Structures are given as structure tokens and as C-alpha cells.
PDB file of N, CA and C in Angstrom:
ATOM      1  N   MET A   1      -5.532   8.385   0.933  1.00  0.00           N
ATOM      2  CA  MET A   1      -4.425   8.186   2.180  1.00  0.00           C
ATOM      3  C   MET A   1      -3.222   8.747   2.075  1.00  0.00           C
ATOM      4  N   THR A   2      -2.651   9.375   3.368  1.00  0.00           N
ATOM      5  CA  THR A   2      -1.293  10.543   3.421  1.00  0.00           C
ATOM      6  C   THR A   2      -0.490   9.402   3.502  1.00  0.00           C
ATOM      7  N   PRO A   3       0.983   9.762   3.406  1.00  0.00           N
ATOM      8  CA  PRO A   3       2.127   8.972   3.500  1.00  0.00           C
ATOM      9  C   PRO A   3       2.044   8.952   4.929  1.00  0.00           C
ATOM     10  N   ASN A   4       1.553   9.513   6.003  1.00  0.00           N
ATOM     11  CA  ASN A   4       1.620   9.646   7.051  1.00  0.00           C
ATOM     12  C   ASN A   4       0.723   8.329   7.637  1.00  0.00           C
ATOM     13  N   GLN A   5      -0.700   8.576   7.100  1.00  0.00           N
ATOM     14  CA  GLN A   5      -1.716   7.462   7.317  1.00  0.00           C
ATOM     15  C   GLN A   5      -1.370   5.906   6.756  1.00  0.00           C
ATOM     16  N   ILE A   6      -0.413   6.022   5.734  1.00  0.00           N
ATOM     17  CA  ILE A   6       0.351   4.540   5.483  1.00  0.00           C
ATOM     18  C   ILE A   6       1.102   4.401   6.129  1.00  0.00           C
ATOM     19  N   ARG A   7       2.011   5.101   6.600  1.00  0.00           N
ATOM     20  CA  ARG A   7       2.791   4.667   7.956  1.00  0.00           C
ATOM     21  C   ARG A   7       2.379   4.245   8.918  1.00  0.00           C
ATOM     22  N   ALA A   8       1.152   4.954   9.351  1.00  0.00           N
ATOM     23  CA  ALA A   8       0.291   4.716  10.773  1.00  0.00           C
ATOM     24  C   ALA A   8      -0.014   2.972  10.922  1.00  0.00           C
ATOM     25  N   ARG A   9      -0.660   2.698   9.594  1.00  0.00           N
ATOM     26  CA  ARG A   9      -1.293   1.543   9.214  1.00  0.00           C
ATOM     27  C   ARG A   9      -0.131   0.097   9.270  1.00  0.00           C
ATOM     28  N   LEU A  10       1.104   0.657   8.490  1.00  0.00           N
ATOM     29  CA  LEU A  10       1.921  -0.407   8.735  1.00  0.00           C
ATOM     30  C   LEU A  10       2.512  -0.480  10.530  1.00  0.00           C
ATOM     31  N   VAL A  11       2.645   0.313  10.948  1.00  0.00           N
ATOM     32  CA  VAL A  11       3.069   0.468  12.754  1.00  0.00           C
ATOM     33  C   VAL A  11       1.900  -0.456  13.018  1.00  0.00           C
ATOM     34  N   GLU A  12       0.856   0.027  13.102  1.00  0.00           N
ATOM     35  CA  GLU A  12      -0.308  -0.835  13.740  1.00  0.00           C
ATOM     36  C   GLU A  12      -0.144  -2.423  13.335  1.00  0.00           C
ATOM     37  N   LYS A  13       0.658  -2.884  12.255  1.00  0.00           N
ATOM     38  CA  LYS A  13       1.128  -4.284  11.971  1.00  0.00           C
ATOM     39  C   LYS A  13       2.315  -4.562  12.296  1.00  0.00           C
ATOM     40  N   GLY A  14       3.034  -3.568  12.942  1.00  0.00           N
ATOM     41  CA  GLY A  14       4.516  -3.767  13.620  1.00  0.00           C
ATOM     42  C   GLY A  14       5.160  -3.922  12.702  1.00  0.00           C
ATOM     43  N   SER A  15       5.300  -3.047  11.483  1.00  0.00           N
ATOM     44  CA  SER A  15       5.996  -3.065  10.245  1.00  0.00           C
ATOM     45  C   SER A  15       6.727  -1.372  10.452  1.00  0.00           C
ATOM     46  N   SER A  16       7.385  -0.902   8.954  1.00  0.00           N
ATOM     47  CA  SER A  16       7.815   0.096   8.518  1.00  0.00           C
ATOM     48  C   SER A  16       7.800   0.234   7.095  1.00  0.00           C
ATOM     49  N   PHE A  17       7.969   1.290   6.535  1.00  0.00           N
ATOM     50  CA  PHE A  17       8.293   1.442   5.246  1.00  0.00           C
ATOM     51  C   PHE A  17       9.775   0.242   4.885  1.00  0.00           C
ATOM     52  N   ARG A  18      10.856   0.676   5.679  1.00  0.00           N
ATOM     53  CA  ARG A  18      11.910   0.115   5.875  1.00  0.00           C
ATOM     54  C   ARG A  18      11.684  -1.441   5.696  1.00  0.00           C
ATOM     55  N   GLN A  19      10.955  -1.925   6.788  1.00  0.00           N
ATOM     56  CA  GLN A  19      10.909  -3.447   6.680  1.00  0.00           C
ATOM     57  C   GLN A  19       9.572  -3.843   5.871  1.00  0.00           C
ATOM     58  N   PHE A  20       9.035  -3.273   5.376  1.00  0.00           N
ATOM     59  CA  PHE A  20       7.850  -3.342   3.877  1.00  0.00           C
ATOM     60  C   PHE A  20       9.062  -3.864   2.913  1.00  0.00           C
ATOM     61  N   ALA A  21       9.873  -2.646   2.835  1.00  0.00           N
ATOM     62  CA  ALA A  21      10.364  -2.592   1.517  1.00  0.00           C
ATOM     63  C   ALA A  21      11.677  -4.054   1.707  1.00  0.00           C
ATOM     64  N   MET A  22      12.183  -4.353   2.654  1.00  0.00           N
ATOM     65  CA  MET A  22      13.097  -5.299   2.630  1.00  0.00           C
ATOM     66  C   MET A  22      12.492  -6.950   2.559  1.00  0.00           C
ATOM     67  N   GLU A  23      10.941  -6.810   3.275  1.00  0.00           N
ATOM     68  CA  GLU A  23      10.333  -8.090   3.077  1.00  0.00           C
ATOM     69  C   GLU A  23      10.107  -8.552   1.791  1.00  0.00           C
ATOM     70  N   HIS A  24       9.925  -7.473   0.713  1.00  0.00           N
ATOM     71  CA  HIS A  24       9.265  -7.437  -0.600  1.00  0.00           C
ATOM     72  C   HIS A  24      10.348  -7.240  -1.866  1.00  0.00           C
ATOM     73  N   GLY A  25      11.825  -6.893  -1.081  1.00  0.00           N
ATOM     74  CA  GLY A  25      12.736  -7.187  -2.441  1.00  0.00           C
ATOM     75  C   GLY A  25      12.668  -5.494  -2.595  1.00  0.00           C
ATOM     76  N   TYR A  26      12.285  -4.617  -2.142  1.00  0.00           N
ATOM     77  CA  TYR A  26      12.446  -3.056  -2.629  1.00  0.00           C
ATOM     78  C   TYR A  26      13.544  -2.259  -2.025  1.00  0.00           C
ATOM     79  N   ASN A  27      14.055  -1.519  -2.515  1.00  0.00           N
ATOM     80  CA  ASN A  27      14.859  -0.758  -2.109  1.00  0.00           C
ATOM     81  C   ASN A  27      14.014   0.239  -1.147  1.00  0.00           C
ATOM     82  N   PRO A  28      14.430   0.473   0.326  1.00  0.00           N
ATOM     83  CA  PRO A  28      13.656   1.226   0.894  1.00  0.00           C
ATOM     84  C   PRO A  28      13.228   3.004   0.513  1.00  0.00           C
ATOM     85  N   ARG A  29      14.422   3.415   0.129  1.00  0.00           N
ATOM     86  CA  ARG A  29      14.620   4.814  -0.229  1.00  0.00           C
ATOM     87  C   ARG A  29      13.551   4.761  -1.363  1.00  0.00           C
ATOM     88  N   ASN A  30      13.267   4.113  -2.434  1.00  0.00           N
ATOM     89  CA  ASN A  30      12.155   3.614  -3.316  1.00  0.00           C
ATOM     90  C   ASN A  30      11.011   3.739  -3.149  1.00  0.00           C
ATOM     91  N   VAL A  31      10.775   2.848  -1.921  1.00  0.00           N
ATOM     92  CA  VAL A  31       9.437   2.695  -1.528  1.00  0.00           C
ATOM     93  C   VAL A  31       8.844   4.087  -0.762  1.00  0.00           C
ATOM     94  N   THR A  32       9.767   5.180  -0.137  1.00  0.00           N
ATOM     95  CA  THR A  32       9.422   6.158   0.614  1.00  0.00           C
ATOM     96  C   THR A  32       9.215   7.357  -0.317  1.00  0.00           C
ATOM     97  N   GLN A  33       9.945   7.209  -1.507  1.00  0.00           N
ATOM     98  CA  GLN A  33       9.940   8.003  -2.587  1.00  0.00           C
ATOM     99  C   GLN A  33       8.615   8.042  -3.468  1.00  0.00           C
ATOM    100  N   VAL A  34       8.038   6.655  -3.698  1.00  0.00           N
ATOM    101  CA  VAL A  34       6.895   6.252  -4.187  1.00  0.00           C
ATOM    102  C   VAL A  34       5.678   6.404  -3.267  1.00  0.00           C
ATOM    103  N   VAL A  35       5.578   6.258  -2.038  1.00  0.00           N
ATOM    104  CA  VAL A  35       4.446   6.570  -1.372  1.00  0.00           C
ATOM    105  C   VAL A  35       4.456   8.270  -1.307  1.00  0.00           C
ATOM    106  N   ALA A  36       5.542   9.146  -1.304  1.00  0.00           N
ATOM    107  CA  ALA A  36       5.540  10.273  -1.207  1.00  0.00           C
ATOM    108  C   ALA A  36       4.853  11.206  -2.651  1.00  0.00           C
ATOM    109  N   ARG A  37       5.363  10.327  -3.394  1.00  0.00           N
ATOM    110  CA  ARG A  37       4.762  10.675  -4.822  1.00  0.00           C
ATOM    111  C   ARG A  37       3.711  10.229  -5.291  1.00  0.00           C
ATOM    112  N   TRP A  38       3.100   9.241  -4.674  1.00  0.00           N
ATOM    113  CA  TRP A  38       1.597   8.911  -5.139  1.00  0.00           C
ATOM    114  C   TRP A  38       0.464   8.912  -4.533  1.00  0.00           C
ATOM    115  N   ALA A  39       1.087   8.652  -2.694  1.00  0.00           N
ATOM    116  CA  ALA A  39       0.002   8.839  -2.058  1.00  0.00           C
ATOM    117  C   ALA A  39      -1.286   9.827  -2.340  1.00  0.00           C
ATOM    118  N   GLY A  40      -2.697   9.337  -2.056  1.00  0.00           N
ATOM    119  CA  GLY A  40      -3.171  10.351  -2.089  1.00  0.00           C
ATOM    120  C   GLY A  40      -3.972  10.690  -3.584  1.00  0.00           C
ATOM    121  N   GLU A  41      -3.008  10.199  -4.970  1.00  0.00           N
ATOM    122  CA  GLU A  41      -3.532  10.279  -5.967  1.00  0.00           C
ATOM    123  C   GLU A  41      -4.794   9.513  -6.601  1.00  0.00           C
ATOM    124  N   THR A  42      -5.076   9.937  -7.714  1.00  0.00           N
ATOM    125  CA  THR A  42      -6.366   9.326  -8.143  1.00  0.00           C
ATOM    126  C   THR A  42      -5.934   8.287  -9.256  1.00  0.00           C
ATOM    127  N   ARG A  43      -4.911   8.740  -9.970  1.00  0.00           N
ATOM    128  CA  ARG A  43      -4.426   8.210 -11.341  1.00  0.00           C
ATOM    129  C   ARG A  43      -3.327   7.200 -10.958  1.00  0.00           C
ATOM    130  N   LEU A  44      -3.373   6.000 -11.736  1.00  0.00           N
ATOM    131  CA  LEU A  44      -1.874   5.029 -11.423  1.00  0.00           C
ATOM    132  C   LEU A  44      -0.696   5.411 -12.087  1.00  0.00           C
ATOM    133  N   PRO A  45       0.208   4.830 -11.511  1.00  0.00           N
ATOM    134  CA  PRO A  45       1.722   5.265 -11.850  1.00  0.00           C
ATOM    135  C   PRO A  45       1.988   4.352 -13.017  1.00  0.00           C
ATOM    136  N   ASN A  46       3.068   5.171 -14.026  1.00  0.00           N
ATOM    137  CA  ASN A  46       2.984   4.364 -15.271  1.00  0.00           C
ATOM    138  C   ASN A  46       4.438   3.623 -14.924  1.00  0.00           C
ATOM    139  N   GLY A  47       5.012   3.885 -14.249  1.00  0.00           N
ATOM    140  CA  GLY A  47       6.503   2.950 -14.069  1.00  0.00           C
ATOM    141  C   GLY A  47       5.784   1.538 -13.211  1.00  0.00           C
ATOM    142  N   ARG A  48       6.583   0.433 -13.564  1.00  0.00           N
ATOM    143  CA  ARG A  48       6.268  -0.757 -13.144  1.00  0.00           C
ATOM    144  C   ARG A  48       6.676  -1.013 -11.744  1.00  0.00           C
ATOM    145  N   GLN A  49       7.821  -0.476 -11.469  1.00  0.00           N
ATOM    146  CA  GLN A  49       8.075  -0.802  -9.840  1.00  0.00           C
ATOM    147  C   GLN A  49       7.340   0.125  -9.127  1.00  0.00           C
ATOM    148  N   ALA A  50       6.764   1.187  -9.160  1.00  0.00           N
ATOM    149  CA  ALA A  50       6.068   2.190  -8.404  1.00  0.00           C
ATOM    150  C   ALA A  50       4.538   1.464  -8.487  1.00  0.00           C
ATOM    151  N   PHE A  51       4.214   0.742  -9.742  1.00  0.00           N
ATOM    152  CA  PHE A  51       2.974   0.220  -9.601  1.00  0.00           C
ATOM    153  C   PHE A  51       3.070  -0.852  -8.448  1.00  0.00           C
ATOM    154  N   ALA A  52       3.908  -1.518  -8.689  1.00  0.00           N
ATOM    155  CA  ALA A  52       4.158  -2.779  -7.837  1.00  0.00           C
ATOM    156  C   ALA A  52       4.312  -2.426  -6.222  1.00  0.00           C
ATOM    157  N   ILE A  53       4.964  -1.639  -6.294  1.00  0.00           N
ATOM    158  CA  ILE A  53       5.192  -1.059  -4.753  1.00  0.00           C
ATOM    159  C   ILE A  53       3.746  -0.932  -4.150  1.00  0.00           C
ATOM    160  N   LEU A  54       3.184   0.339  -4.678  1.00  0.00           N
ATOM    161  CA  LEU A  54       1.802   0.420  -4.194  1.00  0.00           C
ATOM    162  C   LEU A  54       0.819  -0.521  -4.095  1.00  0.00           C
ATOM    163  N   HIS A  55       1.017  -1.588  -5.139  1.00  0.00           N
ATOM    164  CA  HIS A  55       0.170  -2.996  -5.104  1.00  0.00           C
ATOM    165  C   HIS A  55       0.523  -3.852  -3.934  1.00  0.00           C
ATOM    166  N   ASP A  56       1.729  -3.832  -3.927  1.00  0.00           N
ATOM    167  CA  ASP A  56       2.288  -4.847  -2.615  1.00  0.00           C
ATOM    168  C   ASP A  56       1.735  -4.090  -1.430  1.00  0.00           C
ATOM    169  N   LEU A  57       2.002  -2.845  -1.109  1.00  0.00           N
ATOM    170  CA  LEU A  57       1.716  -1.851  -0.112  1.00  0.00           C
ATOM    171  C   LEU A  57       0.059  -1.931   0.239  1.00  0.00           C
ATOM    172  N   SER A  58      -0.732  -1.963  -0.787  1.00  0.00           N
ATOM    173  CA  SER A  58      -2.118  -1.925  -0.563  1.00  0.00           C
ATOM    174  C   SER A  58      -2.630  -3.201  -0.066  1.00  0.00           C
ATOM    175  N   LEU A  59      -2.077  -4.339  -0.502  1.00  0.00           N
ATOM    176  CA  LEU A  59      -2.312  -5.792   0.287  1.00  0.00           C
ATOM    177  C   LEU A  59      -1.591  -6.060   1.755  1.00  0.00           C
ATOM    178  N   GLU A  60      -0.886  -5.228   1.876  1.00  0.00           N
ATOM    179  CA  GLU A  60       0.186  -5.079   3.118  1.00  0.00           C
ATOM    180  C   GLU A  60      -0.906  -4.376   4.224  1.00  0.00           C
ATOM    181  N   ILE A  61      -1.429  -3.178   3.862  1.00  0.00           N
ATOM    182  CA  ILE A  61      -2.258  -2.543   4.873  1.00  0.00           C
ATOM    183  C   ILE A  61      -3.691  -2.572   4.770  1.00  0.00           C
ATOM    184  N   GLY A  62      -4.105  -3.485   3.722  1.00  0.00           N
ATOM    185  CA  GLY A  62      -5.717  -3.875   3.649  1.00  0.00           C
ATOM    186  C   GLY A  62      -6.106  -2.832   3.107  1.00  0.00           C
ATOM    187  N   GLU A  63      -5.710  -2.088   2.167  1.00  0.00           N
ATOM    188  CA  GLU A  63      -6.723  -0.744   1.768  1.00  0.00           C
ATOM    189  C   GLU A  63      -6.105  -0.805   0.266  1.00  0.00           C
ATOM    190  N   GLU A  64      -6.669  -0.186  -0.639  1.00  0.00           N
ATOM    191  CA  GLU A  64      -6.261  -0.033  -2.053  1.00  0.00           C
ATOM    192  C   GLU A  64      -6.074   1.415  -1.732  1.00  0.00           C
ATOM    193  N   LEU A  65      -4.515   1.765  -2.075  1.00  0.00           N
ATOM    194  CA  LEU A  65      -4.062   3.197  -2.004  1.00  0.00           C
ATOM    195  C   LEU A  65      -4.326   4.031  -3.235  1.00  0.00           C
ATOM    196  N   ILE A  66      -4.855   3.262  -4.426  1.00  0.00           N
ATOM    197  CA  ILE A  66      -5.129   4.226  -5.741  1.00  0.00           C
ATOM    198  C   ILE A  66      -6.164   3.125  -6.324  1.00  0.00           C
ATOM    199  N   PRO A  67      -7.177   3.898  -6.729  1.00  0.00           N
ATOM    200  CA  PRO A  67      -8.391   3.048  -7.357  1.00  0.00           C
ATOM    201  C   PRO A  67      -7.667   2.445  -8.681  1.00  0.00           C
ATOM    202  N   GLY A  68      -8.254   1.015  -9.057  1.00  0.00           N
ATOM    203  CA  GLY A  68      -7.544   0.440 -10.066  1.00  0.00           C
ATOM    204  C   GLY A  68      -6.019  -0.448  -9.713  1.00  0.00           C
ATOM    205  N   LEU A  69      -5.563  -0.298  -8.611  1.00  0.00           N
ATOM    206  CA  LEU A  69      -4.472  -0.866  -8.286  1.00  0.00           C
ATOM    207  C   LEU A  69      -4.409  -2.335  -8.403  1.00  0.00           C
ATOM    208  N   LEU A  70      -5.708  -2.803  -7.518  1.00  0.00           N
ATOM    209  CA  LEU A  70      -5.961  -4.335  -7.278  1.00  0.00           C
ATOM    210  C   LEU A  70      -7.266  -4.510  -8.303  1.00  0.00           C
ATOM    211  N   ASN A  71      -6.826  -6.216  -8.461  1.00  0.00           N
ATOM    212  CA  ASN A  71      -7.775  -6.721  -9.454  1.00  0.00           C
ATOM    213  C   ASN A  71      -9.106  -6.929  -8.300  1.00  0.00           C
ATOM    214  N   ASP A  72     -10.144  -7.300  -9.314  1.00  0.00           N
ATOM    215  CA  ASP A  72     -11.376  -7.648  -8.432  1.00  0.00           C
ATOM    216  C   ASP A  72     -11.279  -8.917  -7.243  1.00  0.00           C
ATOM    217  N   ASP A  73     -10.714 -10.144  -7.484  1.00  0.00           N
ATOM    218  CA  ASP A  73     -10.452 -10.928  -6.280  1.00  0.00           C
ATOM    219  C   ASP A  73      -9.800 -10.069  -5.145  1.00  0.00           C
ATOM    220  N   GLU A  74      -8.703  -9.456  -5.793  1.00  0.00           N
ATOM    221  CA  GLU A  74      -7.908  -9.003  -4.471  1.00  0.00           C
ATOM    222  C   GLU A  74      -8.802  -7.768  -3.396  1.00  0.00           C
ATOM    223  N   ARG A  75      -9.387  -7.201  -4.310  1.00  0.00           N
ATOM    224  CA  ARG A  75     -10.245  -6.167  -3.585  1.00  0.00           C
ATOM    225  C   ARG A  75     -11.347  -6.724  -2.745  1.00  0.00           C
ATOM    226  N   GLN A  76     -11.872  -7.989  -3.442  1.00  0.00           N
ATOM    227  CA  GLN A  76     -13.209  -8.619  -2.537  1.00  0.00           C
ATOM    228  C   GLN A  76     -12.375  -9.125  -1.281  1.00  0.00           C
ATOM    229  N   SER A  77     -11.171  -9.784  -1.517  1.00  0.00           N
ATOM    230  CA  SER A  77     -10.762 -10.427  -0.288  1.00  0.00           C
ATOM    231  C   SER A  77     -10.113  -9.370   0.501  1.00  0.00           C
ATOM    232  N   LEU A  78      -9.870  -8.127   0.198  1.00  0.00           N
ATOM    233  CA  LEU A  78      -9.588  -6.950   1.511  1.00  0.00           C
ATOM    234  C   LEU A  78     -10.745  -6.705   1.759  1.00  0.00           C
ATOM    235  N   SER A  79     -11.853  -6.740   1.160  1.00  0.00           N
ATOM    236  CA  SER A  79     -13.344  -6.182   2.005  1.00  0.00           C
ATOM    237  C   SER A  79     -13.847  -7.331   2.775  1.00  0.00           C
ATOM    238  N   GLN A  80     -13.314  -8.515   2.629  1.00  0.00           N
ATOM    239  CA  GLN A  80     -13.910  -9.793   3.615  1.00  0.00           C
ATOM    240  C   GLN A  80     -12.946  -9.452   4.759  1.00  0.00           C
ATOM    241  N   THR A  81     -11.452  -9.187   4.681  1.00  0.00           N
ATOM    242  CA  THR A  81     -10.473  -9.471   5.631  1.00  0.00           C
ATOM    243  C   THR A  81     -10.814  -7.990   6.559  1.00  0.00           C
ATOM    244  N   SER A  82     -11.263  -6.824   5.874  1.00  0.00           N
ATOM    245  CA  SER A  82     -11.294  -5.366   6.573  1.00  0.00           C
ATOM    246  C   SER A  82     -12.560  -5.550   7.595  1.00  0.00           C
ATOM    247  N   ALA A  83     -13.762  -6.198   6.768  1.00  0.00           N
ATOM    248  CA  ALA A  83     -14.885  -5.953   7.629  1.00  0.00           C
ATOM    249  C   ALA A  83     -15.070  -5.970   8.875  1.00  0.00           C
ATOM    250  N   GLY A  84     -14.197  -6.978   9.746  1.00  0.00           N
ATOM    251  CA  GLY A  84     -14.080  -7.086  11.086  1.00  0.00           C
ATOM    252  C   GLY A  84     -12.957  -6.633  11.770  1.00  0.00           C
ATOM    253  N   ASN A  85     -12.142  -5.668  11.351  1.00  0.00           N
ATOM    254  CA  ASN A  85     -11.078  -5.022  12.078  1.00  0.00           C
ATOM    255  C   ASN A  85     -11.229  -3.526  12.495  1.00  0.00           C
ATOM    256  N   GLY A  86     -12.448  -2.906  11.993  1.00  0.00           N
ATOM    257  CA  GLY A  86     -12.697  -1.536  12.407  1.00  0.00           C
ATOM    258  C   GLY A  86     -12.117  -0.263  11.265  1.00  0.00           C
ATOM    259  N   HIS A  87     -11.746  -1.103  10.176  1.00  0.00           N
ATOM    260  CA  HIS A  87     -11.019   0.065   9.084  1.00  0.00           C
ATOM    261  C   HIS A  87     -12.089  -0.396   7.891  1.00  0.00           C
ATOM    262  N   HIS A  88     -12.145   0.711   7.027  1.00  0.00           N
ATOM    263  CA  HIS A  88     -12.817   0.724   6.176  1.00  0.00           C
ATOM    264  C   HIS A  88     -12.081   0.275   4.586  1.00  0.00           C
TER     265      HIS A  88
END
């Protein structure tokens, strides 16, 4: 998923990178930098904050941004909630 696709998913939910950051206690610049660096990657970030941002963002938009970010329960919850909204 590209940074623009992630941004679009937030906009669909009436949010933005800045609003997401403020609601979750992150610096907005850190969120945009983490998304720019890690969107589309297949390996997990080593940094705790980058991991936390991507984890929370995955839950926010309803899609796991990098395989392995979410635990099994979170992944199952996402698949149940996204089944009816047209997103995979």
C-alpha cells in the first residue's frame, strides 16, 4: 500500500495523517516520515515508535500495512469488520 493509498483510506474515514497523529499521541511529522519510509515494505521496522505508528495506523484504516504487524486476534477482527465494507 502506498502513502497516497493510506492517506486516501484515512480521508474515507474523515481523518488525515495529522489528525491520526494527534489522536494517538504521535508527532505528525513522525507519522508522515514513517509512512513514507515503510509503506509498501515487506519487513517490519526495528524502531519501537515506527512499529507502533504502523500498528495503530493498520487498525485505524482496517488493513495490515506490513505482514506481521498485527497479532492473530487483531487480524481476525479486521477481516470480520472489513468483510462488508468493500475493502479487502
